[in-house]
Structure formats: C-alpha cells, structure tokens
C-alpha cells in the first residue's frame, strides 16, 4: 500500500537539478585546482576560484537539505539523498583543503605527478557530471551508470599509483636536501589523493542508489 501511495503521489524532482548544479561546481573547482597546479603567479587567483566554487557547493548543499525536510515525497530514499549530497560536498571540500595547504606554505612550483593528479581529478569530476545527469532515468541508464562507477574506480587506482610515484620522486629529489620541501610536498600529494578518494565515494553512493532503485 505504501509503495502504491508513493507511486501515485507527485515527487519533488528539483533534487536532480540541484545534484546537477552541485556536480557542476565540482568540475569548476577541479579545473581551478588544475590551474593552481600549474604554479607561478596564477596560484593565488586559482586558489580563490577553488574557494568560490566550494562556497557555491555549500549553498547548494543547504538547499538540498532544506528540500529534504520540506518534501513529502522524494525521488528516492531521504538518507540516500543526504548521503549523495554529502559525498559531493566532501569532494569539493577536499579541493579547498588542498588549495589551503598550497596557500599556507606559499608553494609556487609543483611536481609533474601533482599536475597529473590534478588532470585526472578533472576527469573524475566530468564523469560525475555525466552520472548525475543520468539519475532521473536511472532504470534506463543503469548500465551506463555502472560503467561510469567502474571508470571512477580505475581513476582512483591510477591516482594511487601517481601518489606513490610522486612521493618516491620527491624523496629522491630532496634526499639530503630540504626536509620541509619533502614534508609539504607529501602533504599536497596526500590531499590530492584524498580528492580522488572522495570522487570514488560519490560513485559508490550513486551505485548504491541504482542497486536499490533498479
């Protein structure tokens, strides 16, 4: 009876619009982070853009959480909506933490693997945008959503390899040299790796929703 009641009642579909907006901030933030990793005089402006997009994402998060409280019928489980929103927000929060470390330690040059990790973060963000756009008709798009989740997992594994290679290269470069440069560099690598981890969390959340709904 409850299932029939939910089927005939109108649903609040604005959630999908908000998810799309949220995912778009991830792409914008990821591209700003990629620009930041180019170093030089553009670091401060790129950092400011990361902060700006993170604030935009926070506002979208507030709208989603408010809509969850107000809506009588939601397109899928309320806890899943909240968890997906939180995972999206965590991804851009981690970008902001990365930019904060760069600003805090006044880093202006970055290792090749850092730039490579920033590039695949953009890839993960763009895949997330595609996945979120498929959610309104997830039954029809279940196979593609699964493929996207697998691709994000592959990107996360690729990032892990870059993380290890980058730390090793940094150690060899700073061996007997500047220990602070090594410590700060490892911190940046760690934050970049966590950004990719957060995108994997998003992909896992979406996969879980698809399994439940399809």
Protein backbone atom coordinates (compact mmCIF):
# COMPACT_ATOMS: atom_id res chain seq x y z
CA UNK A 1 0.00 0.00 0.00
CA UNK A 2 2.80 2.42 0.90
CA UNK A 3 4.57 1.63 -2.38
CA UNK A 4 1.36 2.38 -4.34
CA UNK A 5 0.85 5.60 -2.40
CA UNK A 6 4.40 6.73 -3.19
CA UNK A 7 3.96 5.83 -6.86
CA UNK A 8 0.85 7.99 -7.38
CA UNK A 9 1.94 11.00 -5.31
CA UNK A 10 3.93 13.75 -7.08
CA UNK A 11 7.66 13.70 -6.37
CA UNK A 12 9.99 16.62 -5.71
CA UNK A 13 12.20 16.37 -8.80
CA UNK A 14 14.15 19.55 -8.08
CA UNK A 15 16.67 17.32 -6.31
CA UNK A 16 18.01 16.22 -9.68
CA UNK A 17 18.50 19.83 -10.73
CA UNK A 18 20.38 20.53 -7.50
CA UNK A 19 22.54 17.43 -7.93
CA UNK A 20 23.45 18.66 -11.43
CA UNK A 21 24.34 22.11 -10.08
CA UNK A 22 26.42 20.53 -7.35
CA UNK A 23 28.29 18.33 -9.80
CA UNK A 24 28.97 21.36 -11.99
CA UNK A 25 30.71 23.09 -9.08
CA UNK A 26 32.98 20.04 -8.82
CA UNK A 27 34.09 20.44 -12.43
CA UNK A 28 34.67 24.16 -11.94
CA UNK A 29 36.58 23.52 -8.73
CA UNK A 30 38.63 20.74 -10.32
CA UNK A 31 39.61 22.97 -13.24
CA UNK A 32 40.61 25.73 -10.82
CA UNK A 33 42.70 23.19 -8.90
CA UNK A 34 44.32 22.09 -12.15
CA UNK A 35 45.19 25.72 -12.92
CA UNK A 36 46.59 26.09 -9.41
CA UNK A 37 48.92 23.14 -10.00
CA UNK A 38 50.48 24.99 -12.94
CA UNK A 39 52.16 27.17 -10.33
CA UNK A 40 53.66 30.59 -10.79
CA UNK A 41 51.84 33.88 -10.46
CA UNK A 42 48.42 32.34 -11.05
CA UNK A 43 48.34 30.31 -7.83
CA UNK A 44 46.52 32.87 -5.68
CA UNK A 45 43.81 33.55 -8.27
CA UNK A 46 43.28 29.83 -8.85
CA UNK A 47 43.05 29.23 -5.09
CA UNK A 48 40.42 31.96 -4.82
CA UNK A 49 38.39 30.23 -7.53
CA UNK A 50 38.54 26.91 -5.66
CA UNK A 51 37.26 28.68 -2.53
CA UNK A 52 34.50 30.38 -4.51
CA UNK A 53 33.24 27.14 -6.03
CA UNK A 54 33.35 25.42 -2.64
CA UNK A 55 31.13 28.17 -1.22
CA UNK A 56 28.72 27.69 -4.14
CA UNK A 57 28.61 23.98 -3.37
CA UNK A 58 27.89 24.70 0.30
CA UNK A 59 24.88 26.81 -0.69
CA UNK A 60 23.56 24.01 -2.91
CA UNK A 61 24.02 21.56 -0.05
CA UNK A 62 21.93 23.81 2.20
CA UNK A 63 19.20 23.91 -0.44
CA UNK A 64 19.15 20.13 -0.78
CA UNK A 65 18.98 19.55 2.96
CA UNK A 66 16.18 22.09 3.25
CA UNK A 67 14.27 20.42 0.42
CA UNK A 68 14.66 17.03 2.11
CA UNK A 69 12.96 18.44 5.22
CA UNK A 70 10.16 20.13 3.27
CA UNK A 71 9.35 17.47 0.66
CA UNK A 72 6.63 14.96 1.35
CA UNK A 73 7.69 12.59 -1.45
CA UNK A 74 11.31 12.37 -2.65
CA UNK A 75 12.58 10.63 -5.82
CA UNK A 76 14.44 8.11 -3.68
CA UNK A 77 15.26 7.49 -0.03
CA UNK A 78 15.94 10.63 2.02
CA UNK A 79 19.04 9.19 3.60
CA UNK A 80 20.43 8.39 0.14
CA UNK A 81 19.77 11.96 -0.98
CA UNK A 82 21.58 13.28 2.07
CA UNK A 83 24.48 10.86 1.68
CA UNK A 84 24.94 11.65 -2.02
CA UNK A 85 24.85 15.37 -1.31
CA UNK A 86 27.37 14.99 1.49
CA UNK A 87 29.73 12.97 -0.71
CA UNK A 88 29.53 15.58 -3.48
CA UNK A 89 30.26 18.30 -0.95
CA UNK A 90 33.14 16.33 0.56
CA UNK A 91 34.86 16.19 -2.85
CA UNK A 92 35.00 19.95 -3.26
CA UNK A 93 35.76 20.46 0.43
CA UNK A 94 38.87 18.36 -0.12
CA UNK A 95 39.83 20.54 -3.10
CA UNK A 96 39.60 23.56 -0.81
CA UNK A 97 41.81 21.83 1.77
CA UNK A 98 44.38 21.21 -0.97
CA UNK A 99 44.33 24.86 -2.00
CA UNK A 100 44.62 25.88 1.65
CA UNK A 101 47.81 23.87 2.12
CA UNK A 102 49.30 25.45 -1.00
CA UNK A 103 48.44 28.93 0.27
CA UNK A 104 49.57 28.22 3.82
CA UNK A 105 53.04 27.11 2.77
CA UNK A 106 53.29 29.56 -0.15
CA UNK A 107 54.03 26.84 -2.70
CA UNK A 108 54.51 28.13 -6.24
CA UNK A 109 56.06 25.16 -8.04
CA UNK A 110 54.58 21.69 -8.32
CA UNK A 111 55.85 18.26 -9.27
CA UNK A 112 54.79 16.61 -12.57
CA UNK A 113 52.81 13.92 -10.74
CA UNK A 114 50.88 16.62 -8.87
CA UNK A 115 49.82 18.15 -12.18
CA UNK A 116 48.91 14.69 -13.49
CA UNK A 117 46.77 14.02 -10.42
CA UNK A 118 45.02 17.35 -10.89
CA UNK A 119 44.27 16.41 -14.50
CA UNK A 120 42.61 13.12 -13.56
CA UNK A 121 40.63 14.92 -10.85
CA UNK A 122 39.07 16.91 -13.69
CA UNK A 123 38.28 13.62 -15.44
CA UNK A 124 36.61 12.26 -12.30
CA UNK A 125 34.56 15.43 -11.94
CA UNK A 126 33.38 15.27 -15.56
CA UNK A 127 32.37 11.63 -15.14
CA UNK A 128 30.42 12.63 -12.04
CA UNK A 129 28.52 15.26 -14.03
CA UNK A 130 27.58 12.61 -16.59
CA UNK A 131 26.47 10.18 -13.88
CA UNK A 132 24.33 12.72 -12.07
CA UNK A 133 22.63 13.69 -15.34
CA UNK A 134 21.54 10.06 -15.79
CA UNK A 135 19.91 9.73 -12.37
CA UNK A 136 16.42 10.97 -13.32
CA UNK A 137 16.00 7.88 -15.51
CA UNK A 138 18.31 5.51 -13.68
CA UNK A 139 16.47 2.36 -14.73
CA UNK A 140 17.12 3.11 -18.38
CA UNK A 141 20.68 4.28 -17.64
CA UNK A 142 21.70 1.62 -15.12
CA UNK A 143 24.34 0.04 -17.34
CA UNK A 144 25.99 3.35 -18.19
CA UNK A 145 25.92 4.40 -14.53
CA UNK A 146 27.72 1.16 -13.64
CA UNK A 147 30.31 1.81 -16.35
CA UNK A 148 30.92 5.31 -15.01
CA UNK A 149 31.39 4.00 -11.47
CA UNK A 150 33.95 1.48 -12.73
CA UNK A 151 35.79 4.21 -14.60
CA UNK A 152 35.98 6.40 -11.50
CA UNK A 153 37.37 3.44 -9.56
CA UNK A 154 40.01 2.99 -12.24
CA UNK A 155 40.91 6.67 -11.95
CA UNK A 156 41.25 6.27 -8.19
CA UNK A 157 43.66 3.36 -8.71
CA UNK A 158 45.61 5.44 -11.21
CA UNK A 159 45.80 8.26 -8.66
CA UNK A 160 47.16 5.85 -6.05
CA UNK A 161 49.99 4.94 -8.41
CA UNK A 162 50.77 8.60 -9.10
CA UNK A 163 50.69 9.27 -5.36
CA UNK A 164 53.29 6.58 -4.70
CA UNK A 165 55.45 7.55 -7.66
CA UNK A 166 55.29 11.21 -6.74
CA UNK A 167 56.30 10.67 -3.13
CA UNK A 168 59.19 8.47 -4.20
CA UNK A 169 60.40 11.07 -6.72
CA UNK A 170 60.05 13.80 -4.10
CA UNK A 171 62.05 11.77 -1.60
CA UNK A 172 64.86 11.20 -4.08
CA UNK A 173 64.88 14.86 -5.11
CA UNK A 174 65.03 16.10 -1.51
CA UNK A 175 67.25 13.36 -0.12
CA UNK A 176 69.92 15.20 1.83
CA UNK A 177 68.29 18.47 0.85
CA UNK A 178 65.32 20.43 2.22
CA UNK A 179 63.24 18.28 4.59
CA UNK A 180 60.44 20.89 4.75
CA UNK A 181 60.04 20.76 0.97
CA UNK A 182 59.57 17.00 1.27
CA UNK A 183 57.05 17.31 4.12
CA UNK A 184 54.98 19.97 2.36
CA UNK A 185 55.13 18.07 -0.93
CA UNK A 186 53.88 14.88 0.70
CA UNK A 187 51.06 16.85 2.31
CA UNK A 188 49.96 18.18 -1.07
CA UNK A 189 50.10 14.68 -2.59
CA UNK A 190 48.02 13.38 0.29
CA UNK A 191 45.31 15.99 -0.24
CA UNK A 192 45.20 15.40 -3.99
CA UNK A 193 44.85 11.67 -3.41
CA UNK A 194 42.00 12.29 -0.98
CA UNK A 195 40.17 14.38 -3.57
CA UNK A 196 40.11 11.37 -5.89
CA UNK A 197 39.01 9.15 -2.99
CA UNK A 198 36.04 11.46 -2.42
CA UNK A 199 35.02 11.09 -6.07
CA UNK A 200 35.11 7.33 -5.63
CA UNK A 201 32.80 7.81 -2.64
CA UNK A 202 30.39 9.70 -4.90
CA UNK A 203 30.49 6.90 -7.48
CA UNK A 204 29.84 4.32 -4.77
CA UNK A 205 26.88 6.31 -3.46
CA UNK A 206 25.38 6.52 -6.93
CA UNK A 207 25.94 2.79 -7.49
CA UNK A 208 24.18 2.02 -4.22
CA UNK A 209 21.20 4.14 -5.18
CA UNK A 210 20.96 2.43 -8.55
CA UNK A 211 21.04 -1.02 -6.92
CA UNK A 212 18.25 -0.06 -4.54
CA UNK A 213 16.05 1.59 -7.18
CA UNK A 214 16.62 -0.74 -10.11
